[in-house]
PDB file of N, CA and C in Angstrom:
ATOM      1  N   UNK A   1      57.146 117.178 -88.180  1.00  0.00           N
ATOM      2  CA  UNK A   1      56.203 117.858 -89.041  1.00  0.00           C
ATOM      3  C   UNK A   1      56.019 119.314 -88.611  1.00  0.00           C
ATOM      4  N   UNK A   2      55.932 119.530 -87.304  1.00  0.00           N
ATOM      5  CA  UNK A   2      55.744 120.888 -86.804  1.00  0.00           C
ATOM      6  C   UNK A   2      56.988 121.736 -87.063  1.00  0.00           C
ATOM      7  N   UNK A   3      58.166 121.084 -87.021  1.00  0.00           N
ATOM      8  CA  UNK A   3      59.397 121.826 -87.293  1.00  0.00           C
ATOM      9  C   UNK A   3      59.430 122.299 -88.738  1.00  0.00           C
ATOM     10  N   UNK A   4      58.968 121.466 -89.665  1.00  0.00           N
ATOM     11  CA  UNK A   4      58.953 121.837 -91.077  1.00  0.00           C
ATOM     12  C   UNK A   4      58.008 123.023 -91.312  1.00  0.00           C
ATOM     13  N   UNK A   5      56.857 122.957 -90.701  1.00  0.00           N
ATOM     14  CA  UNK A   5      55.888 124.045 -90.861  1.00  0.00           C
ATOM     15  C   UNK A   5      56.449 125.336 -90.282  1.00  0.00           C
ATOM     16  N   UNK A   6      57.058 125.233 -89.101  1.00  0.00           N
ATOM     17  CA  UNK A   6      57.664 126.404 -88.482  1.00  0.00           C
ATOM     18  C   UNK A   6      58.807 126.950 -89.330  1.00  0.00           C
ATOM     19  N   UNK A   7      59.621 126.068 -89.890  1.00  0.00           N
ATOM     20  CA  UNK A   7      60.734 126.481 -90.731  1.00  0.00           C
ATOM     21  C   UNK A   7      60.233 127.190 -91.994  1.00  0.00           C
ATOM     22  N   UNK A   8      59.203 126.641 -92.622  1.00  0.00           N
ATOM     23  CA  UNK A   8      58.628 127.267 -93.815  1.00  0.00           C
ATOM     24  C   UNK A   8      58.011 128.614 -93.458  1.00  0.00           C
ATOM     25  N   UNK A   9      57.348 128.692 -92.336  1.00  0.00           N
ATOM     26  CA  UNK A   9      56.737 129.945 -91.897  1.00  0.00           C
ATOM     27  C   UNK A   9      57.795 131.018 -91.630  1.00  0.00           C
ATOM     28  N   UNK A  10      58.869 130.633 -90.933  1.00  0.00           N
ATOM     29  CA  UNK A  10      59.940 131.587 -90.665  1.00  0.00           C
ATOM     30  C   UNK A  10      60.648 132.025 -91.940  1.00  0.00           C
ATOM     31  N   UNK A  11      60.869 131.098 -92.857  1.00  0.00           N
ATOM     32  CA  UNK A  11      61.536 131.444 -94.115  1.00  0.00           C
ATOM     33  C   UNK A  11      60.672 132.385 -94.953  1.00  0.00           C
ATOM     34  N   UNK A  12      59.377 132.101 -95.001  1.00  0.00           N
ATOM     35  CA  UNK A  12      58.491 132.983 -95.787  1.00  0.00           C
ATOM     36  C   UNK A  12      58.360 134.354 -95.137  1.00  0.00           C
ATOM     37  N   UNK A  13      58.380 134.418 -93.805  1.00  0.00           N
ATOM     38  CA  UNK A  13      58.335 135.712 -93.118  1.00  0.00           C
ATOM     39  C   UNK A  13      59.603 136.511 -93.401  1.00  0.00           C
ATOM     40  N   UNK A  14      60.744 135.854 -93.358  1.00  0.00           N
ATOM     41  CA  UNK A  14      62.004 136.535 -93.653  1.00  0.00           C
ATOM     42  C   UNK A  14      62.043 137.009 -95.094  1.00  0.00           C
ATOM     43  N   UNK A  15      61.564 136.188 -95.991  1.00  0.00           N
ATOM     44  CA  UNK A  15      61.531 136.569 -97.406  1.00  0.00           C
ATOM     45  C   UNK A  15      60.587 137.746 -97.632  1.00  0.00           C
ATOM     46  N   UNK A  16      59.458 137.742 -96.976  1.00  0.00           N
ATOM     47  CA  UNK A  16      58.517 138.859 -97.114  1.00  0.00           C
ATOM     48  C   UNK A  16      59.081 140.133 -96.504  1.00  0.00           C
ATOM     49  N   UNK A  17      59.829 140.020 -95.426  1.00  0.00           N
ATOM     50  CA  UNK A  17      60.435 141.195 -94.811  1.00  0.00           C
ATOM     51  C   UNK A  17      61.526 141.805 -95.667  1.00  0.00           C
ATOM     52  N   UNK A  18      62.242 140.991 -96.410  1.00  0.00           N
ATOM     53  CA  UNK A  18      63.303 141.497 -97.279  1.00  0.00           C
ATOM     54  C   UNK A  18      62.773 141.999 -98.611  1.00  0.00           C
ATOM     55  N   UNK A  19      61.553 141.698 -98.935  1.00  0.00           N
ATOM     56  CA  UNK A  19      61.004 142.052-100.243  1.00  0.00           C
ATOM     57  C   UNK A  19      60.926 143.559-100.435  1.00  0.00           C
ATOM     58  N   UNK A  20      60.741 144.324 -99.380  1.00  0.00           N
ATOM     59  CA  UNK A  20      60.611 145.767 -99.570  1.00  0.00           C
ATOM     60  C   UNK A  20      61.943 146.444 -99.818  1.00  0.00           C
ATOM     61  N   UNK A  21      63.071 145.786 -99.520  1.00  0.00           N
ATOM     62  CA  UNK A  21      64.364 146.386 -99.815  1.00  0.00           C
ATOM     63  C   UNK A  21      64.641 146.425-101.312  1.00  0.00           C
ATOM     64  N   UNK A  22      64.037 145.544-102.064  1.00  0.00           N
ATOM     65  CA  UNK A  22      64.298 145.481-103.496  1.00  0.00           C
ATOM     66  C   UNK A  22      63.837 146.752-104.203  1.00  0.00           C
ATOM     67  N   UNK A  23      62.784 147.380-103.714  1.00  0.00           N
ATOM     68  CA  UNK A  23      62.300 148.603-104.348  1.00  0.00           C
ATOM     69  C   UNK A  23      63.323 149.713-104.253  1.00  0.00           C
ATOM     70  N   UNK A  24      64.072 149.770-103.164  1.00  0.00           N
ATOM     71  CA  UNK A  24      65.009 150.861-102.946  1.00  0.00           C
ATOM     72  C   UNK A  24      66.404 150.554-103.481  1.00  0.00           C
ATOM     73  N   UNK A  25      66.696 149.299-103.742  1.00  0.00           N
ATOM     74  CA  UNK A  25      68.077 148.952-104.046  1.00  0.00           C
ATOM     75  C   UNK A  25      68.446 149.089-105.512  1.00  0.00           C
ATOM     76  N   UNK A  26      67.505 149.211-106.414  1.00  0.00           N
ATOM     77  CA  UNK A  26      67.875 149.350-107.812  1.00  0.00           C
ATOM     78  C   UNK A  26      66.789 150.116-108.571  1.00  0.00           C
ATOM     79  N   UNK A  27      67.197 150.709-109.671  1.00  0.00           N
ATOM     80  CA  UNK A  27      66.241 151.326-110.585  1.00  0.00           C
ATOM     81  C   UNK A  27      65.941 152.783-110.347  1.00  0.00           C
ATOM     82  N   UNK A  28      65.969 153.247-109.113  1.00  0.00           N
ATOM     83  CA  UNK A  28      65.562 154.624-108.877  1.00  0.00           C
ATOM     84  C   UNK A  28      66.571 155.615-109.431  1.00  0.00           C
ATOM     85  N   UNK A  29      67.850 155.265-109.442  1.00  0.00           N
ATOM     86  CA  UNK A  29      68.849 156.181-109.969  1.00  0.00           C
ATOM     87  C   UNK A  29      68.726 156.325-111.469  1.00  0.00           C
ATOM     88  N   UNK A  30      68.113 155.352-112.148  1.00  0.00           N
ATOM     89  CA  UNK A  30      67.946 155.441-113.594  1.00  0.00           C
ATOM     90  C   UNK A  30      66.996 156.565-113.989  1.00  0.00           C
ATOM     91  N   UNK A  31      66.062 156.892-113.107  1.00  0.00           N
ATOM     92  CA  UNK A  31      65.111 157.954-113.414  1.00  0.00           C
ATOM     93  C   UNK A  31      65.774 159.319-113.467  1.00  0.00           C
ATOM     94  N   UNK A  32      66.840 159.502-112.722  1.00  0.00           N
ATOM     95  CA  UNK A  32      67.469 160.817-112.670  1.00  0.00           C
ATOM     96  C   UNK A  32      68.816 160.861-113.372  1.00  0.00           C
ATOM     97  N   UNK A  33      69.266 159.761-113.966  1.00  0.00           N
ATOM     98  CA  UNK A  33      70.561 159.730-114.633  1.00  0.00           C
ATOM     99  C   UNK A  33      70.523 160.603-115.890  1.00  0.00           C
ATOM    100  N   UNK A  34      71.450 161.537-115.992  1.00  0.00           N
ATOM    101  CA  UNK A  34      71.533 162.397-117.158  1.00  0.00           C
ATOM    102  C   UNK A  34      70.656 163.634-117.085  1.00  0.00           C
ATOM    103  N   UNK A  35      69.827 163.740-116.074  1.00  0.00           N
ATOM    104  CA  UNK A  35      68.973 164.918-115.920  1.00  0.00           C
ATOM    105  C   UNK A  35      69.785 165.988-115.206  1.00  0.00           C
ATOM    106  N   UNK A  36      69.846 167.182-115.775  1.00  0.00           N
ATOM    107  CA  UNK A  36      70.634 168.227-115.105  1.00  0.00           C
ATOM    108  C   UNK A  36      70.012 168.585-113.759  1.00  0.00           C
ATOM    109  N   UNK A  37      70.841 168.944-112.787  1.00  0.00           N
ATOM    110  CA  UNK A  37      70.291 169.280-111.464  1.00  0.00           C
ATOM    111  C   UNK A  37      69.439 170.536-111.541  1.00  0.00           C
ATOM    112  N   UNK A  38      68.410 170.549-110.720  1.00  0.00           N
ATOM    113  CA  UNK A  38      67.531 171.720-110.678  1.00  0.00           C
ATOM    114  C   UNK A  38      68.248 172.861-109.990  1.00  0.00           C
ATOM    115  N   UNK A  39      68.056 174.035-110.527  1.00  0.00           N
ATOM    116  CA  UNK A  39      68.649 175.208-109.899  1.00  0.00           C
ATOM    117  C   UNK A  39      67.676 175.749-108.869  1.00  0.00           C
ATOM    118  N   UNK A  40      68.219 176.221-107.784  1.00  0.00           N
ATOM    119  CA  UNK A  40      67.390 176.794-106.737  1.00  0.00           C
ATOM    120  C   UNK A  40      67.126 178.248-107.103  1.00  0.00           C
ATOM    121  N   UNK A  41      65.856 178.655-107.199  1.00  0.00           N
ATOM    122  CA  UNK A  41      65.587 180.034-107.562  1.00  0.00           C
ATOM    123  C   UNK A  41      66.020 180.985-106.456  1.00  0.00           C
ATOM    124  N   UNK A  42      66.380 182.169-106.854  1.00  0.00           N
ATOM    125  CA  UNK A  42      66.760 183.180-105.871  1.00  0.00           C
ATOM    126  C   UNK A  42      65.543 183.533-105.017  1.00  0.00           C
ATOM    127  N   UNK A  43      65.759 183.619-103.728  1.00  0.00           N
ATOM    128  CA  UNK A  43      64.654 183.903-102.820  1.00  0.00           C
ATOM    129  C   UNK A  43      64.152 185.329-103.046  1.00  0.00           C
ATOM    130  N   UNK A  44      62.860 185.451-103.188  1.00  0.00           N
ATOM    131  CA  UNK A  44      62.235 186.753-103.378  1.00  0.00           C
ATOM    132  C   UNK A  44      62.170 187.449-102.017  1.00  0.00           C
ATOM    133  N   UNK A  45      62.830 188.595-101.861  1.00  0.00           N
ATOM    134  CA  UNK A  45      62.852 189.238-100.538  1.00  0.00           C
ATOM    135  C   UNK A  45      61.474 189.708-100.085  1.00  0.00           C
ATOM    136  N   UNK A  46      60.618 190.095-101.021  1.00  0.00           N
ATOM    137  CA  UNK A  46      59.272 190.526-100.633  1.00  0.00           C
ATOM    138  C   UNK A  46      58.461 189.356-100.104  1.00  0.00           C
ATOM    139  N   UNK A  47      58.597 188.203-100.762  1.00  0.00           N
ATOM    140  CA  UNK A  47      57.865 187.023-100.305  1.00  0.00           C
ATOM    141  C   UNK A  47      58.399 186.554 -98.952  1.00  0.00           C
ATOM    142  N   UNK A  48      59.712 186.625 -98.771  1.00  0.00           N
ATOM    143  CA  UNK A  48      60.299 186.248 -97.483  1.00  0.00           C
ATOM    144  C   UNK A  48      59.798 187.165 -96.372  1.00  0.00           C
ATOM    145  N   UNK A  49      59.738 188.458 -96.663  1.00  0.00           N
ATOM    146  CA  UNK A  49      59.246 189.414 -95.662  1.00  0.00           C
ATOM    147  C   UNK A  49      57.777 189.154 -95.351  1.00  0.00           C
ATOM    148  N   UNK A  50      57.000 188.831 -96.372  1.00  0.00           N
ATOM    149  CA  UNK A  50      55.578 188.531 -96.165  1.00  0.00           C
ATOM    150  C   UNK A  50      55.414 187.281 -95.299  1.00  0.00           C
ATOM    151  N   UNK A  51      56.257 186.256 -95.544  1.00  0.00           N
ATOM    152  CA  UNK A  51      56.203 185.047 -94.720  1.00  0.00           C
ATOM    153  C   UNK A  51      56.541 185.349 -93.264  1.00  0.00           C
ATOM    154  N   UNK A  52      57.536 186.181 -93.034  1.00  0.00           N
ATOM    155  CA  UNK A  52      57.885 186.540 -91.660  1.00  0.00           C
ATOM    156  C   UNK A  52      56.763 187.336 -90.998  1.00  0.00           C
ATOM    157  N   UNK A  53      56.127 188.197 -91.760  1.00  0.00           N
ATOM    158  CA  UNK A  53      55.004 188.970 -91.223  1.00  0.00           C
ATOM    159  C   UNK A  53      53.846 188.035 -90.862  1.00  0.00           C
ATOM    160  N   UNK A  54      53.572 187.059 -91.731  1.00  0.00           N
ATOM    161  CA  UNK A  54      52.496 186.106 -91.446  1.00  0.00           C
ATOM    162  C   UNK A  54      52.834 185.247 -90.230  1.00  0.00           C
ATOM    163  N   UNK A  55      54.096 184.884 -90.078  1.00  0.00           N
ATOM    164  CA  UNK A  55      54.512 184.127 -88.885  1.00  0.00           C
ATOM    165  C   UNK A  55      54.273 184.931 -87.608  1.00  0.00           C
ATOM    166  N   UNK A  56      54.598 186.224 -87.662  1.00  0.00           N
ATOM    167  CA  UNK A  56      54.384 187.079 -86.494  1.00  0.00           C
ATOM    168  C   UNK A  56      52.893 187.221 -86.188  1.00  0.00           C
ATOM    169  N   UNK A  57      52.075 187.377 -87.228  1.00  0.00           N
ATOM    170  CA  UNK A  57      50.625 187.471 -87.023  1.00  0.00           C
ATOM    171  C   UNK A  57      50.081 186.183 -86.420  1.00  0.00           C
ATOM    172  N   UNK A  58      50.545 185.055 -86.939  1.00  0.00           N
ATOM    173  CA  UNK A  58      50.073 183.766 -86.421  1.00  0.00           C
ATOM    174  C   UNK A  58      50.478 183.582 -84.962  1.00  0.00           C
ATOM    175  N   UNK A  59      51.681 183.976 -84.608  1.00  0.00           N
ATOM    176  CA  UNK A  59      52.129 183.840 -83.218  1.00  0.00           C
ATOM    177  C   UNK A  59      51.316 184.742 -82.295  1.00  0.00           C
ATOM    178  N   UNK A  60      50.997 185.959 -82.760  1.00  0.00           N
ATOM    179  CA  UNK A  60      50.161 186.856 -81.951  1.00  0.00           C
ATOM    180  C   UNK A  60      48.768 186.264 -81.759  1.00  0.00           C
ATOM    181  N   UNK A  61      48.225 185.671 -82.813  1.00  0.00           N
ATOM    182  CA  UNK A  61      46.905 185.042 -82.690  1.00  0.00           C
ATOM    183  C   UNK A  61      46.946 183.838 -81.754  1.00  0.00           C
ATOM    184  N   UNK A  62      48.022 183.059 -81.798  1.00  0.00           N
ATOM    185  CA  UNK A  62      48.136 181.906 -80.887  1.00  0.00           C
ATOM    186  C   UNK A  62      48.193 182.363 -79.435  1.00  0.00           C
ATOM    187  N   UNK A  63      48.870 183.477 -79.194  1.00  0.00           N
ATOM    188  CA  UNK A  63      48.945 184.018 -77.837  1.00  0.00           C
ATOM    189  C   UNK A  63      47.566 184.465 -77.368  1.00  0.00           C
ATOM    190  N   UNK A  64      46.829 185.159 -78.240  1.00  0.00           N
ATOM    191  CA  UNK A  64      45.470 185.574 -77.895  1.00  0.00           C
ATOM    192  C   UNK A  64      44.571 184.366 -77.675  1.00  0.00           C
ATOM    193  N   UNK A  65      44.731 183.362 -78.521  1.00  0.00           N
ATOM    194  CA  UNK A  65      43.905 182.155 -78.433  1.00  0.00           C
ATOM    195  C   UNK A  65      44.135 181.435 -77.108  1.00  0.00           C
ATOM    196  N   UNK A  66      45.385 181.378 -76.667  1.00  0.00           N
ATOM    197  CA  UNK A  66      45.697 180.681 -75.418  1.00  0.00           C
ATOM    198  C   UNK A  66      45.112 181.389 -74.209  1.00  0.00           C
ATOM    199  N   UNK A  67      44.989 182.720 -74.284  1.00  0.00           N
ATOM    200  CA  UNK A  67      44.506 183.478 -73.126  1.00  0.00           C
ATOM    201  C   UNK A  67      43.011 183.779 -73.192  1.00  0.00           C
ATOM    202  N   UNK A  68      42.351 183.443 -74.284  1.00  0.00           N
ATOM    203  CA  UNK A  68      40.933 183.802 -74.467  1.00  0.00           C
ATOM    204  C   UNK A  68      40.009 182.784 -73.785  1.00  0.00           C
ATOM    205  N   UNK A  69      39.178 183.229 -72.841  1.00  0.00           N
ATOM    206  CA  UNK A  69      38.242 182.297 -72.195  1.00  0.00           C
ATOM    207  C   UNK A  69      36.948 182.103 -73.001  1.00  0.00           C
ATOM    208  N   UNK A  70      36.599 183.047 -73.874  1.00  0.00           N
ATOM    209  CA  UNK A  70      35.348 182.961 -74.624  1.00  0.00           C
ATOM    210  C   UNK A  70      35.503 182.010 -75.815  1.00  0.00           C
ATOM    211  N   UNK A  71      34.643 181.011 -75.865  1.00  0.00           N
ATOM    212  CA  UNK A  71      34.719 179.980 -76.895  1.00  0.00           C
ATOM    213  C   UNK A  71      34.463 180.537 -78.291  1.00  0.00           C
ATOM    214  N   UNK A  72      33.542 181.438 -78.430  1.00  0.00           N
ATOM    215  CA  UNK A  72      33.194 181.997 -79.735  1.00  0.00           C
ATOM    216  C   UNK A  72      34.372 182.789 -80.304  1.00  0.00           C
ATOM    217  N   UNK A  73      35.034 183.557 -79.451  1.00  0.00           N
ATOM    218  CA  UNK A  73      36.199 184.314 -79.911  1.00  0.00           C
ATOM    219  C   UNK A  73      37.351 183.381 -80.272  1.00  0.00           C
ATOM    220  N   UNK A  74      37.503 182.278 -79.511  1.00  0.00           N
ATOM    221  CA  UNK A  74      38.565 181.311 -79.836  1.00  0.00           C
ATOM    222  C   UNK A  74      38.334 180.702 -81.205  1.00  0.00           C
ATOM    223  N   UNK A  75      37.080 180.400 -81.526  1.00  0.00           N
ATOM    224  CA  UNK A  75      36.776 179.839 -82.849  1.00  0.00           C
ATOM    225  C   UNK A  75      37.112 180.849 -83.947  1.00  0.00           C
ATOM    226  N   UNK A  76      36.816 182.115 -83.698  1.00  0.00           N
ATOM    227  CA  UNK A  76      37.184 183.162 -84.654  1.00  0.00           C
ATOM    228  C   UNK A  76      38.688 183.257 -84.840  1.00  0.00           C
ATOM    229  N   UNK A  77      39.442 183.155 -83.723  1.00  0.00           N
ATOM    230  CA  UNK A  77      40.897 183.172 -83.821  1.00  0.00           C
ATOM    231  C   UNK A  77      41.409 181.964 -84.612  1.00  0.00           C
ATOM    232  N   UNK A  78      40.784 180.814 -84.402  1.00  0.00           N
ATOM    233  CA  UNK A  78      41.203 179.616 -85.128  1.00  0.00           C
ATOM    234  C   UNK A  78      40.946 179.760 -86.624  1.00  0.00           C
ATOM    235  N   UNK A  79      39.827 180.383 -86.993  1.00  0.00           N
ATOM    236  CA  UNK A  79      39.558 180.627 -88.414  1.00  0.00           C
ATOM    237  C   UNK A  79      40.594 181.573 -89.000  1.00  0.00           C
ATOM    238  N   UNK A  80      40.968 182.599 -88.240  1.00  0.00           N
ATOM    239  CA  UNK A  80      42.003 183.523 -88.705  1.00  0.00           C
ATOM    240  C   UNK A  80      43.343 182.804 -88.866  1.00  0.00           C
ATOM    241  N   UNK A  81      43.660 181.919 -87.926  1.00  0.00           N
ATOM    242  CA  UNK A  81      44.889 181.135 -88.030  1.00  0.00           C
ATOM    243  C   UNK A  81      44.873 180.250 -89.268  1.00  0.00           C
ATOM    244  N   UNK A  82      43.726 179.657 -89.556  1.00  0.00           N
ATOM    245  CA  UNK A  82      43.602 178.821 -90.746  1.00  0.00           C
ATOM    246  C   UNK A  82      43.851 179.639 -92.011  1.00  0.00           C
ATOM    247  N   UNK A  83      43.287 180.846 -92.065  1.00  0.00           N
ATOM    248  CA  UNK A  83      43.481 181.701 -93.239  1.00  0.00           C
ATOM    249  C   UNK A  83      44.948 182.105 -93.395  1.00  0.00           C
ATOM    250  N   UNK A  84      45.599 182.406 -92.280  1.00  0.00           N
ATOM    251  CA  UNK A  84      47.017 182.752 -92.329  1.00  0.00           C
ATOM    252  C   UNK A  84      47.833 181.546 -92.801  1.00  0.00           C
ATOM    253  N   UNK A  85      47.502 180.372 -92.300  1.00  0.00           N
ATOM    254  CA  UNK A  85      48.201 179.156 -92.725  1.00  0.00           C
ATOM    255  C   UNK A  85      48.026 178.874 -94.205  1.00  0.00           C
ATOM    256  N   UNK A  86      46.821 179.111 -94.725  1.00  0.00           N
ATOM    257  CA  UNK A  86      46.597 178.919 -96.156  1.00  0.00           C
ATOM    258  C   UNK A  86      47.468 179.862 -96.977  1.00  0.00           C
ATOM    259  N   UNK A  87      47.560 181.093 -96.543  1.00  0.00           N
ATOM    260  CA  UNK A  87      48.376 182.074 -97.256  1.00  0.00           C
ATOM    261  C   UNK A  87      49.869 181.717 -97.148  1.00  0.00           C
ATOM    262  N   UNK A  88      50.285 181.243 -95.973  1.00  0.00           N
ATOM    263  CA  UNK A  88      51.680 180.845 -95.794  1.00  0.00           C
ATOM    264  C   UNK A  88      52.031 179.668 -96.701  1.00  0.00           C
ATOM    265  N   UNK A  89      51.144 178.686 -96.783  1.00  0.00           N
ATOM    266  CA  UNK A  89      51.414 177.532 -97.630  1.00  0.00           C
ATOM    267  C   UNK A  89      51.543 177.928 -99.092  1.00  0.00           C
ATOM    268  N   UNK A  90      50.685 178.839 -99.542  1.00  0.00           N
ATOM    269  CA  UNK A  90      50.759 179.279-100.936  1.00  0.00           C
ATOM    270  C   UNK A  90      52.070 180.011-101.213  1.00  0.00           C
ATOM    271  N   UNK A  91      52.475 180.891-100.300  1.00  0.00           N
ATOM    272  CA  UNK A  91      53.741 181.610-100.481  1.00  0.00           C
ATOM    273  C   UNK A  91      54.938 180.662-100.427  1.00  0.00           C
ATOM    274  N   UNK A  92      54.922 179.731 -99.492  1.00  0.00           N
ATOM    275  CA  UNK A  92      56.036 178.788 -99.364  1.00  0.00           C
ATOM    276  C   UNK A  92      56.127 177.895-100.594  1.00  0.00           C
ATOM    277  N   UNK A  93      54.988 177.497-101.137  1.00  0.00           N
ATOM    278  CA  UNK A  93      54.981 176.673-102.342  1.00  0.00           C
ATOM    279  C   UNK A  93      55.570 177.450-103.517  1.00  0.00           C
ATOM    280  N   UNK A  94      55.212 178.729-103.637  1.00  0.00           N
ATOM    281  CA  UNK A  94      55.749 179.552-104.719  1.00  0.00           C
ATOM    282  C   UNK A  94      57.253 179.759-104.565  1.00  0.00           C
ATOM    283  N   UNK A  95      57.730 179.870-103.334  1.00  0.00           N
ATOM    284  CA  UNK A  95      59.164 180.021-103.114  1.00  0.00           C
ATOM    285  C   UNK A  95      59.917 178.724-103.363  1.00  0.00           C
ATOM    286  N   UNK A  96      59.284 177.603-103.053  1.00  0.00           N
ATOM    287  CA  UNK A  96      59.943 176.309-103.153  1.00  0.00           C
ATOM    288  C   UNK A  96      60.081 175.838-104.600  1.00  0.00           C
ATOM    289  N   UNK A  97      59.074 176.103-105.421  1.00  0.00           N
ATOM    290  CA  UNK A  97      59.075 175.581-106.785  1.00  0.00           C
ATOM    291  C   UNK A  97      59.620 176.604-107.760  1.00  0.00           C
ATOM    292  N   UNK A  98      60.455 176.115-108.619  1.00  0.00           N
ATOM    293  CA  UNK A  98      61.067 176.959-109.629  1.00  0.00           C
ATOM    294  C   UNK A  98      60.031 177.294-110.692  1.00  0.00           C
ATOM    295  N   UNK A  99      59.898 178.560-111.088  1.00  0.00           N
ATOM    296  CA  UNK A  99      58.908 178.900-112.104  1.00  0.00           C
ATOM    297  C   UNK A  99      59.270 178.374-113.490  1.00  0.00           C
ATOM    298  N   UNK A 100      60.559 178.033-113.717  1.00  0.00           N
ATOM    299  CA  UNK A 100      60.974 177.511-115.009  1.00  0.00           C
ATOM    300  C   UNK A 100      60.829 175.997-114.990  1.00  0.00           C
ATOM    301  N   UNK A 101      60.124 175.403-115.958  1.00  0.00           N
ATOM    302  CA  UNK A 101      59.956 173.954-115.949  1.00  0.00           C
ATOM    303  C   UNK A 101      61.284 173.237-116.197  1.00  0.00           C
ATOM    304  N   UNK A 102      61.409 172.067-115.632  1.00  0.00           N
ATOM    305  CA  UNK A 102      62.626 171.287-115.777  1.00  0.00           C
ATOM    306  C   UNK A 102      62.705 170.735-117.191  1.00  0.00           C
ATOM    307  N   UNK A 103      63.873 170.795-117.812  1.00  0.00           N
ATOM    308  CA  UNK A 103      64.053 170.266-119.157  1.00  0.00           C
ATOM    309  C   UNK A 103      64.756 168.924-119.068  1.00  0.00           C
ATOM    310  N   UNK A 104      64.415 168.040-119.974  1.00  0.00           N
ATOM    311  CA  UNK A 104      65.013 166.717-120.019  1.00  0.00           C
ATOM    312  C   UNK A 104      66.077 166.669-121.103  1.00  0.00           C
ATOM    313  N   UNK A 105      67.056 165.769-120.989  1.00  0.00           N
ATOM    314  CA  UNK A 105      68.082 165.661-122.002  1.00  0.00           C
ATOM    315  C   UNK A 105      67.503 165.251-123.349  1.00  0.00           C
ATOM    316  N   UNK A 106      68.274 165.463-124.385  1.00  0.00           N
ATOM    317  CA  UNK A 106      67.846 165.109-125.736  1.00  0.00           C
ATOM    318  C   UNK A 106      67.530 163.619-125.807  1.00  0.00           C
ATOM    319  N   UNK A 107      66.433 163.297-126.439  1.00  0.00           N
ATOM    320  CA  UNK A 107      66.052 161.904-126.611  1.00  0.00           C
ATOM    321  C   UNK A 107      65.059 161.404-125.589  1.00  0.00           C
ATOM    322  N   UNK A 108      64.848 162.140-124.533  1.00  0.00           N
ATOM    323  CA  UNK A 108      63.868 161.726-123.529  1.00  0.00           C
ATOM    324  C   UNK A 108      62.489 162.126-124.004  1.00  0.00           C
ATOM    325  N   UNK A 109      61.475 161.352-123.641  1.00  0.00           N
ATOM    326  CA  UNK A 109      60.106 161.751-124.047  1.00  0.00           C
ATOM    327  C   UNK A 109      59.672 163.013-123.327  1.00  0.00           C
ATOM    328  N   UNK A 110      58.907 163.812-124.015  1.00  0.00           N
ATOM    329  CA  UNK A 110      58.399 165.040-123.433  1.00  0.00           C
ATOM    330  C   UNK A 110      57.306 164.684-122.442  1.00  0.00           C
ATOM    331  N   UNK A 111      57.438 165.124-121.210  1.00  0.00           N
ATOM    332  CA  UNK A 111      56.471 164.765-120.153  1.00  0.00           C
ATOM    333  C   UNK A 111      55.559 165.908-119.787  1.00  0.00           C
ATOM    334  N   UNK A 112      55.521 166.946-120.572  1.00  0.00           N
ATOM    335  CA  UNK A 112      54.663 168.069-120.221  1.00  0.00           C
ATOM    336  C   UNK A 112      53.288 167.928-120.817  1.00  0.00           C
TER     337      UNK A 112
END
């Protein structure tokens, strides 16, 4: 009796472990079949230069932060780092995403 229970438990555990492979093994390619590949937008040199400048500012602030013994000044440096990070994320997002919306092949429902 204990062997049967153990066998059922092991079989159900194995079945549950394999269940997550089914999500990846089929269907996902159907979502992108026939959709033209996205073009990578040309990198904006001004935005790239701004990102490099922000990286340099952030590194300088990290150096100051590491050497600063005053807690109040460290908090100010951390706020400045946060602001620089917010600006970097916005610029990187604008560089990463194509300003032209993706078009679907004829016959696909409009998703906009």
